[in-house]
Protein backbone atom coordinates (compact mmCIF):
# COMPACT_ATOMS: atom_id res chain seq x y z
CA MET A 1 -44.83 -27.53 33.96
CA THR A 2 -44.13 -23.90 35.18
CA GLU A 3 -40.47 -22.82 35.23
CA ASN A 4 -38.61 -21.04 38.06
CA ARG A 5 -35.01 -21.38 39.54
CA ARG A 6 -36.14 -24.17 41.99
CA GLU A 7 -37.10 -26.25 39.06
CA THR A 8 -33.78 -25.99 37.04
CA PHE A 9 -30.30 -26.91 37.52
CA ARG A 10 -27.16 -26.67 35.41
CA LEU A 11 -26.21 -29.91 33.86
CA GLY A 12 -22.99 -29.70 31.70
CA GLU A 13 -23.38 -26.73 29.62
CA ARG A 14 -27.05 -26.83 29.62
CA THR A 15 -29.75 -25.61 32.13
CA ILE A 16 -32.44 -28.27 32.29
CA ARG A 17 -35.64 -28.86 34.20
CA ARG A 18 -35.42 -30.91 37.22
CA MET A 19 -38.21 -33.07 36.24
CA GLY A 20 -37.05 -35.29 33.45
CA TYR A 21 -37.95 -38.74 32.17
CA GLY A 22 -36.28 -42.18 32.04
CA ALA A 23 -36.97 -44.15 28.95
CA MET A 24 -35.89 -47.57 30.59
CA GLN A 25 -39.52 -48.87 30.88
CA LEU A 26 -40.30 -48.27 27.31
CA ALA A 27 -38.62 -51.69 26.35
CA GLY A 28 -40.32 -54.99 26.97
CA PRO A 29 -40.71 -56.91 30.16
CA GLY A 30 -37.49 -57.07 32.14
CA VAL A 31 -36.19 -54.16 29.88
CA PHE A 32 -35.60 -56.66 27.20
CA GLY A 33 -37.23 -56.70 23.68
CA PRO A 34 -39.61 -54.42 21.97
CA PRO A 35 -42.33 -52.25 23.76
CA LYS A 36 -45.71 -53.95 24.31
CA ASP A 37 -47.28 -51.10 22.57
CA HIS A 38 -44.96 -49.29 19.99
CA ALA A 39 -47.42 -46.49 19.36
CA THR A 40 -47.81 -45.68 23.15
CA ALA A 41 -44.19 -45.62 23.72
CA LEU A 42 -43.70 -42.99 20.97
CA ALA A 43 -46.70 -41.09 22.39
CA VAL A 44 -45.17 -41.07 25.81
CA LEU A 45 -41.83 -39.63 24.56
CA ARG A 46 -43.59 -37.04 22.46
CA GLU A 47 -45.86 -35.87 25.41
CA ALA A 48 -43.01 -35.79 27.77
CA VAL A 49 -41.06 -33.23 25.58
CA ALA A 50 -44.36 -31.36 24.87
CA SER A 51 -44.86 -31.02 28.59
CA GLY A 52 -41.65 -29.27 29.03
CA VAL A 53 -39.35 -32.29 29.90
CA ASN A 54 -35.84 -31.50 28.50
CA HIS A 55 -33.77 -34.20 30.00
CA ILE A 56 -34.24 -37.93 29.08
CA ASP A 57 -32.18 -40.59 30.49
CA THR A 58 -31.51 -43.68 28.44
CA SER A 59 -29.10 -46.53 27.59
CA ASP A 60 -28.54 -48.70 24.37
CA PHE A 61 -28.36 -51.73 26.73
CA TYR A 62 -32.22 -51.01 27.48
CA GLY A 63 -33.74 -53.52 25.09
CA PRO A 64 -31.06 -53.58 23.93
CA HIS A 65 -31.16 -50.72 21.39
CA VAL A 66 -34.81 -50.57 21.95
CA THR A 67 -35.25 -47.37 23.74
CA ASN A 68 -32.68 -45.42 21.93
CA ARG A 69 -34.27 -46.30 18.61
CA LEU A 70 -37.53 -45.34 19.98
CA ILE A 71 -36.38 -41.85 21.00
CA ARG A 72 -34.90 -41.29 17.63
CA GLU A 73 -38.21 -42.28 15.99
CA ALA A 74 -40.25 -40.35 18.25
CA LEU A 75 -38.07 -37.13 18.82
CA PHE A 76 -35.61 -36.66 15.82
CA PRO A 77 -34.50 -34.22 14.84
CA TYR A 78 -34.23 -33.14 18.52
CA ALA A 79 -35.16 -29.92 20.12
CA ASP A 80 -32.31 -27.62 20.61
CA ASP A 81 -32.62 -27.59 24.48
CA LEU A 82 -33.10 -31.50 24.81
CA VAL A 83 -30.42 -33.15 26.72
CA ILE A 84 -30.19 -37.05 26.30
CA VAL A 85 -27.99 -38.76 28.84
CA THR A 86 -26.96 -42.27 28.13
CA LYS A 87 -24.81 -44.81 30.13
CA VAL A 88 -22.33 -47.52 29.20
CA GLY A 89 -20.88 -50.45 31.14
CA ALA A 90 -23.15 -53.41 30.33
CA VAL A 91 -24.63 -55.71 27.79
CA ARG A 92 -27.64 -57.96 27.64
CA GLY A 93 -27.32 -61.83 27.15
CA ALA A 94 -29.75 -63.50 25.10
CA ASP A 95 -31.43 -64.75 28.19
CA ALA A 96 -32.11 -60.99 29.12
CA SER A 97 -29.31 -61.13 31.72
CA TRP A 98 -27.34 -58.06 32.58
CA ASN A 99 -23.59 -58.52 32.08
CA PRO A 100 -20.59 -56.09 32.76
CA ALA A 101 -18.99 -54.74 29.66
CA GLN A 102 -16.24 -52.55 31.18
CA SER A 103 -13.16 -53.11 29.03
CA PRO A 104 -11.92 -50.08 27.00
CA ALA A 105 -12.93 -51.96 23.75
CA GLU A 106 -16.47 -52.62 25.11
CA LEU A 107 -17.07 -49.05 26.30
CA THR A 108 -15.88 -47.69 22.95
CA GLN A 109 -18.34 -49.96 21.13
CA ALA A 110 -21.07 -49.08 23.46
CA VAL A 111 -20.43 -45.26 22.93
CA HIS A 112 -20.69 -45.94 19.09
CA ASP A 113 -23.82 -47.95 19.48
CA ASN A 114 -25.50 -45.05 21.30
CA LEU A 115 -24.26 -42.58 18.64
CA ARG A 116 -25.75 -44.74 15.86
CA ASN A 117 -28.94 -45.51 17.30
CA LEU A 118 -29.71 -41.99 18.68
CA GLY A 119 -28.61 -40.60 15.49
CA VAL A 120 -26.24 -37.98 16.72
CA ASP A 121 -22.44 -37.09 16.12
CA ALA A 122 -21.58 -36.56 19.83
CA LEU A 123 -23.38 -37.73 22.93
CA GLU A 124 -24.24 -34.85 25.38
CA ILE A 125 -23.53 -36.89 28.68
CA VAL A 126 -22.37 -40.50 29.05
CA ASN A 127 -22.41 -42.05 32.46
CA LEU A 128 -20.10 -45.01 33.36
CA ARG A 129 -22.39 -47.43 34.88
CA VAL A 130 -20.29 -49.46 37.45
CA MET A 131 -21.84 -52.86 37.98
CA GLY A 132 -21.02 -53.12 41.66
CA ARG A 133 -23.60 -55.17 43.72
CA VAL A 134 -26.21 -54.76 40.85
CA HIS A 135 -28.03 -51.72 42.32
CA GLU A 136 -25.57 -50.91 45.12
CA PRO A 137 -21.97 -49.76 44.59
CA SER A 138 -18.88 -51.47 45.82
CA GLU A 139 -15.34 -50.27 46.03
CA GLY A 140 -12.91 -50.76 43.41
CA SER A 141 -10.89 -48.81 40.97
CA ILE A 142 -12.62 -47.38 37.88
CA ALA A 143 -9.61 -45.47 36.42
CA ALA A 144 -9.17 -47.79 33.40
CA GLN A 145 -12.87 -47.48 32.49
CA PHE A 146 -13.28 -43.79 33.16
CA SER A 147 -9.95 -43.01 31.32
CA ALA A 148 -11.32 -44.74 28.15
CA LEU A 149 -14.41 -42.48 28.16
CA ALA A 150 -12.22 -39.50 28.77
CA ALA A 151 -10.30 -40.45 25.60
CA LEU A 152 -13.59 -40.56 23.70
CA GLN A 153 -14.33 -37.24 25.19
CA ARG A 154 -10.98 -35.79 23.93
CA GLN A 155 -12.07 -37.11 20.44
CA GLY A 156 -15.28 -35.09 20.49
CA LEU A 157 -17.64 -38.05 20.73
CA ILE A 158 -18.82 -37.23 24.17
CA ARG A 159 -19.32 -33.64 25.56
CA HIS A 160 -19.57 -34.47 29.49
CA LEU A 161 -19.13 -37.64 31.65
CA GLY A 162 -20.95 -38.84 34.61
CA LEU A 163 -21.03 -41.88 36.84
CA SER A 164 -23.65 -44.42 38.01
CA ASN A 165 -23.73 -46.71 40.87
CA VAL A 166 -20.51 -45.38 42.55
CA THR A 167 -18.86 -44.69 45.86
CA THR A 168 -17.45 -41.55 47.08
CA ALA A 169 -14.09 -42.82 46.66
CA GLN A 170 -14.79 -43.64 42.92
CA ILE A 171 -16.15 -40.22 42.27
CA ALA A 172 -12.92 -38.70 43.58
CA GLU A 173 -10.82 -41.07 41.37
CA ALA A 174 -12.77 -40.26 38.25
CA SER A 175 -12.96 -36.57 39.04
CA ALA A 176 -8.93 -36.61 38.82
CA ILE A 177 -9.22 -37.89 35.35
CA ALA A 178 -12.03 -35.66 33.89
CA PRO A 179 -14.82 -33.54 35.34
CA VAL A 180 -17.86 -35.32 36.53
CA VAL A 181 -21.20 -33.54 35.95
CA CYS A 182 -23.63 -35.88 37.37
CA VAL A 183 -23.85 -39.02 39.55
CA GLN A 184 -26.60 -41.58 39.37
CA ASN A 185 -27.15 -43.86 42.30
CA ASN A 186 -30.22 -45.72 44.11
CA TYR A 187 -32.01 -43.22 46.28
CA ASN A 188 -35.47 -42.44 47.18
CA VAL A 189 -37.48 -41.45 50.15
CA ILE A 190 -37.13 -44.89 51.74
CA HIS A 191 -33.62 -45.80 50.50
CA ARG A 192 -31.32 -42.92 51.70
CA ASP A 193 -27.82 -44.17 51.99
CA ASP A 194 -26.57 -41.29 49.92
CA ASP A 195 -27.58 -38.42 52.20
CA THR A 196 -23.95 -37.23 52.81
CA LEU A 197 -23.06 -37.65 49.25
CA ILE A 198 -25.85 -35.70 47.93
CA ASP A 199 -24.98 -32.76 49.97
CA GLN A 200 -21.15 -32.97 49.14
CA LEU A 201 -22.04 -32.89 45.44
CA ALA A 202 -24.50 -29.94 45.91
CA ALA A 203 -21.61 -28.06 47.22
CA ARG A 204 -19.80 -28.68 44.16
CA ASN A 205 -22.79 -27.99 41.82
CA ILE A 206 -22.73 -31.62 40.72
CA ALA A 207 -26.12 -33.06 39.72
CA TYR A 208 -27.37 -36.11 41.57
CA VAL A 209 -29.80 -38.13 39.81
CA PRO A 210 -31.49 -40.90 41.68
CA PHE A 211 -32.25 -44.04 39.75
CA PHE A 212 -35.36 -45.91 41.16
CA PRO A 213 -36.99 -42.67 42.60
CA LEU A 214 -40.24 -44.58 42.85
CA GLY A 215 -38.60 -47.96 43.80
CA GLY A 216 -37.66 -49.38 40.41
CA PHE A 217 -38.51 -52.99 40.00
CA THR A 218 -40.12 -53.19 43.46
CA PRO A 219 -42.21 -50.03 43.80
CA LEU A 220 -42.21 -48.06 47.04
CA GLN A 221 -44.64 -49.13 49.65
CA SER A 222 -44.97 -47.33 52.95
CA SER A 223 -47.97 -46.65 55.17
CA THR A 224 -46.36 -43.25 56.04
CA LEU A 225 -45.93 -42.29 52.60
CA SER A 226 -49.72 -43.41 51.65
CA HIS A 227 -50.95 -41.30 54.65
CA VAL A 228 -49.08 -38.32 53.70
CA ALA A 229 -50.32 -38.36 50.19
CA ALA A 230 -53.96 -38.70 51.48
CA ARG A 231 -53.38 -35.63 53.45
CA VAL A 232 -52.02 -33.40 50.78
CA GLY A 233 -54.50 -34.70 47.99
CA ALA A 234 -51.75 -36.31 45.92
CA THR A 235 -50.72 -39.90 45.01
CA ALA A 236 -47.82 -41.59 46.80
CA ARG A 237 -45.82 -41.47 43.58
CA GLN A 238 -46.20 -37.75 43.57
CA VAL A 239 -45.26 -37.30 47.28
CA ALA A 240 -42.16 -39.43 46.72
CA LEU A 241 -41.12 -37.35 43.69
CA ALA A 242 -42.04 -33.82 45.39
CA TRP A 243 -39.92 -35.01 48.52
CA LEU A 244 -36.74 -35.59 46.19
CA LEU A 245 -37.15 -32.16 44.52
CA GLN A 246 -37.43 -30.53 48.05
CA ARG A 247 -34.58 -32.64 49.47
CA SER A 248 -31.69 -30.89 47.71
CA PRO A 249 -31.60 -28.46 44.72
CA ASN A 250 -28.97 -30.45 42.88
CA ILE A 251 -31.31 -33.70 42.62
CA LEU A 252 -32.66 -34.19 38.94
CA LEU A 253 -35.53 -36.63 38.51
CA ILE A 254 -35.92 -39.28 35.74
CA PRO A 255 -38.91 -41.43 36.66
CA GLY A 256 -39.84 -43.93 34.12
CA THR A 257 -43.17 -45.16 32.78
CA SER A 258 -44.59 -46.62 29.56
CA SER A 259 -48.04 -45.26 30.38
CA LEU A 260 -49.53 -41.79 29.44
CA GLY A 261 -51.39 -41.70 32.72
CA HIS A 262 -48.47 -42.31 34.83
CA LEU A 263 -46.42 -39.73 32.86
CA ARG A 264 -48.86 -37.04 33.52
CA GLU A 265 -48.96 -38.01 37.28
CA ASN A 266 -45.31 -37.98 37.55
CA LEU A 267 -44.95 -34.40 35.81
CA ALA A 268 -47.61 -33.07 38.02
CA ALA A 269 -45.36 -33.84 41.17
CA ALA A 270 -43.16 -30.84 39.92
CA GLU A 271 -45.93 -28.42 40.88
CA LEU A 272 -46.49 -30.06 44.45
CA THR A 273 -44.84 -28.34 47.48
CA LEU A 274 -45.04 -30.58 50.56
CA PRO A 275 -45.79 -28.55 53.79
CA GLU A 276 -43.57 -28.74 56.78
CA PRO A 277 -45.77 -31.32 58.53
CA ALA A 278 -45.70 -33.69 55.64
CA LEU A 279 -41.86 -33.49 55.46
CA SER A 280 -41.65 -34.25 59.18
CA ALA A 281 -44.04 -37.18 58.83
CA LEU A 282 -41.90 -38.45 55.96
CA GLU A 283 -38.73 -38.43 58.32
CA ALA A 284 -40.67 -41.25 60.26
CA ILE A 285 -39.71 -43.51 57.48
CA ARG A 286 -36.01 -42.65 58.08
CA THR A 287 -36.54 -42.92 61.77
CA GLU A 288 -38.03 -46.40 61.75
CA ALA A 289 -34.82 -47.52 59.76
CA GLY A 290 -32.67 -46.36 62.26
CA ASN A 291 -30.98 -43.47 60.25
CA PRO A 292 -30.48 -39.86 61.16
CA PRO A 293 -32.43 -37.33 59.24
CA PRO A 294 -30.98 -35.79 56.12
CA ALA A 295 -29.80 -32.11 55.60
CA ARG A 296 -32.45 -29.69 54.32
CA HIS A 297 -32.05 -27.48 51.40
CA ASP A 298 -35.39 -25.60 51.04
């Protein structure tokens, strides 16, 4: 990846490249159990960093414990510029279920699990993952949970705090307790509920990190997306990622994959600039859904 101002953003105390990597898919099917190919999982992590990625998203409830241990095996000792962002707020059941773990004691245990499995003395950034409606936020106070993490930050176990799956009101509530450096919500070229929030965060220099930038468990499917990809000589995945990079300068990407081929395809999207006709065509996806177009930050 080449580097210029368009491709970097300040996250906490670090300047990182906006094209990062999400480690979730390195775990087994359903994000549960060991990877299907241990050696390939390590190779994906090492190639991502060798290609210039210095922002990796993970959680100790991926696996559980699997992705963090893979990251440590593949990359420890970590490069000085590598920012590993983790999240807490859930645990996995024996049946692979995703269960809330939001009490102060559970959050404290999760932070210590992340510290141990990543092999670090302090976590660079910890996101509070609010369970909400699984992949959509719902209103409700998060003061107790965020205060527990802020206490661990004051102890030196966490350097910076973020939020995941939250509403505007919850961001305001958390920001009154401790600084919020990033927000992770569900957003992509088709699912655009957070357009206003993204612009609000950009004005405050807070990073917005879309989870499921390529659709997550249900990959993006759109004839418009496919047609644009054919016209610009790229894949639909690359167009979806490039659109996000052009959407707003505070958007950081963490597309996940367990495939070296898909990793290379995703990283190449950082070199793709969509022309105006392509951007206009992609607005048809929004128009078809009956939503107004987002603000532009070219």
